[in-house]
Amino acid sequence: MIKVINTCRQGGINGSVKSVEGRAKIVPSSGNAKLKVSFFGPFFGNYWVLDRAPDYTWSIVGEPSGRYLWILTRTANPSQRTREMLARKAKSLGYDVSLIRWTQH
C-alpha cells in the first residue's frame, strides 16, 4: 500500500487548509502506471498515469470513464505555454479540457 495525502485550501488561496489521507495499491501488470486509490473505506477508484514528462516535471492522471482528470506539475505556476501543451495532450486523451480549473497559488 502507498499512502496518499491530498491537501488544498478551501474557498481560495487564503482559505483554511484541508487534508485527506488515503491509500493506494498498484494494479498488477500495469508497469506501475495504474493505481487503485481509496479515500473512503473499502471503495477504490482508478488513478491512471496517462502521460508524463521524461523528467517527471509533469504528469496527466485520469480514470477510464473520462470523468476525472488531474494535471500535476512540479512547478506551482507552470507557464501558459506549458498549460496549453498539457491541455492539448489531455484533449487528445479524450478529456473535456473546458472543465480544467488551474490551481491558484
Protein backbone atom coordinates (compact mmCIF):
# COMPACT_ATOMS: atom_id res chain seq x y z
CA MET A 1 0.00 0.00 0.00
CA ILE A 2 1.04 3.56 -0.73
CA LYS A 3 0.00 6.49 1.47
CA VAL A 4 -1.73 9.29 -0.47
CA ILE A 5 -2.22 12.73 1.04
CA ASN A 6 -4.28 15.35 -0.80
CA THR A 7 -4.14 18.88 0.58
CA CYS A 8 -5.88 22.06 -0.54
CA ARG A 9 -7.13 25.39 0.73
CA GLN A 10 -10.90 25.73 0.97
CA GLY A 11 -12.52 28.68 -0.74
CA GLY A 12 -9.34 30.24 -2.15
CA ILE A 13 -5.64 30.75 -1.67
CA ASN A 14 -6.08 32.17 1.84
CA GLY A 15 -8.67 29.62 2.98
CA SER A 16 -8.22 27.05 5.69
CA VAL A 17 -6.09 24.02 4.88
CA LYS A 18 -7.94 20.76 4.31
CA SER A 19 -6.18 17.40 4.01
CA VAL A 20 -7.41 13.90 3.42
CA GLU A 21 -5.33 10.75 3.69
CA GLY A 22 -5.94 7.76 1.51
CA ARG A 23 -4.24 4.61 0.41
CA ALA A 24 -3.36 3.21 -2.97
CA LYS A 25 -2.33 -0.09 -4.42
CA ILE A 26 -0.59 -0.71 -7.73
CA VAL A 27 -2.62 -2.57 -10.35
CA PRO A 28 -0.68 -5.73 -11.26
CA SER A 29 0.87 -5.84 -14.74
CA SER A 30 0.37 -2.08 -15.26
CA GLY A 31 4.03 -1.11 -15.21
CA ASN A 32 3.25 0.96 -12.10
CA ALA A 33 1.12 3.31 -14.25
CA LYS A 34 -2.25 2.35 -12.76
CA LEU A 35 -3.29 2.66 -9.15
CA LYS A 36 -6.44 1.90 -7.22
CA VAL A 37 -6.90 4.71 -4.67
CA SER A 38 -9.23 4.86 -1.69
CA PHE A 39 -10.12 7.80 0.50
CA PHE A 40 -13.40 6.33 1.74
CA GLY A 41 -13.18 2.92 3.36
CA PRO A 42 -13.22 -0.13 1.14
CA PHE A 43 -14.06 1.74 -2.08
CA PHE A 44 -11.19 2.12 -4.57
CA GLY A 45 -11.16 4.28 -7.70
CA ASN A 46 -8.93 4.27 -10.75
CA TYR A 47 -5.96 6.64 -10.80
CA TRP A 48 -4.03 6.08 -14.01
CA VAL A 49 -0.88 7.87 -15.13
CA LEU A 50 -1.82 8.58 -18.76
CA ASP A 51 1.21 10.63 -19.81
CA ARG A 52 4.24 12.21 -18.20
CA ALA A 53 7.35 14.19 -18.99
CA PRO A 54 10.53 12.14 -19.37
CA ASP A 55 11.96 14.01 -16.35
CA TYR A 56 8.70 13.78 -14.35
CA THR A 57 8.17 17.57 -14.30
CA TRP A 58 4.52 16.99 -15.20
CA SER A 59 2.04 14.17 -15.45
CA ILE A 60 -1.51 13.68 -16.63
CA VAL A 61 -3.58 11.42 -14.41
CA GLY A 62 -7.14 10.31 -15.02
CA GLU A 63 -9.50 7.38 -14.99
CA PRO A 64 -11.02 5.41 -17.85
CA SER A 65 -14.51 6.97 -17.89
CA GLY A 66 -13.04 10.40 -18.67
CA ARG A 67 -14.88 11.88 -15.70
CA TYR A 68 -11.83 12.76 -13.60
CA LEU A 69 -8.57 14.37 -14.69
CA TRP A 70 -5.61 15.75 -12.79
CA ILE A 71 -2.75 17.67 -14.35
CA LEU A 72 0.17 17.61 -11.95
CA THR A 73 3.32 19.72 -12.24
CA ARG A 74 6.35 20.13 -10.02
CA THR A 75 6.18 23.88 -10.69
CA ALA A 76 3.40 25.62 -8.77
CA ASN A 77 2.70 28.05 -11.62
CA PRO A 78 3.50 26.43 -14.97
CA SER A 79 3.89 28.79 -17.90
CA GLN A 80 0.97 29.49 -20.20
CA ARG A 81 2.80 27.55 -22.92
CA THR A 82 3.11 24.52 -20.63
CA ARG A 83 -0.56 24.75 -19.64
CA GLU A 84 -1.63 24.88 -23.28
CA MET A 85 0.57 21.87 -24.13
CA LEU A 86 -0.87 19.87 -21.23
CA ALA A 87 -4.44 20.81 -22.18
CA ARG A 88 -3.78 19.67 -25.78
CA LYS A 89 -2.44 16.35 -24.51
CA ALA A 90 -5.44 15.89 -22.19
CA LYS A 91 -7.81 16.69 -25.06
CA SER A 92 -6.07 14.12 -27.27
CA LEU A 93 -6.72 11.57 -24.49
CA GLY A 94 -10.45 12.31 -24.75
CA TYR A 95 -10.96 14.71 -21.83
CA ASP A 96 -13.17 17.80 -21.94
CA VAL A 97 -10.49 20.43 -21.33
CA SER A 98 -13.08 23.20 -20.97
CA LEU A 99 -13.62 21.82 -17.46
CA ILE A 100 -9.98 22.27 -16.37
CA ARG A 101 -9.60 24.59 -13.39
CA TRP A 102 -5.99 25.61 -12.86
CA THR A 103 -4.99 25.87 -9.21
CA GLN A 104 -4.40 29.36 -7.85
CA HIS A 105 -1.20 29.80 -5.83
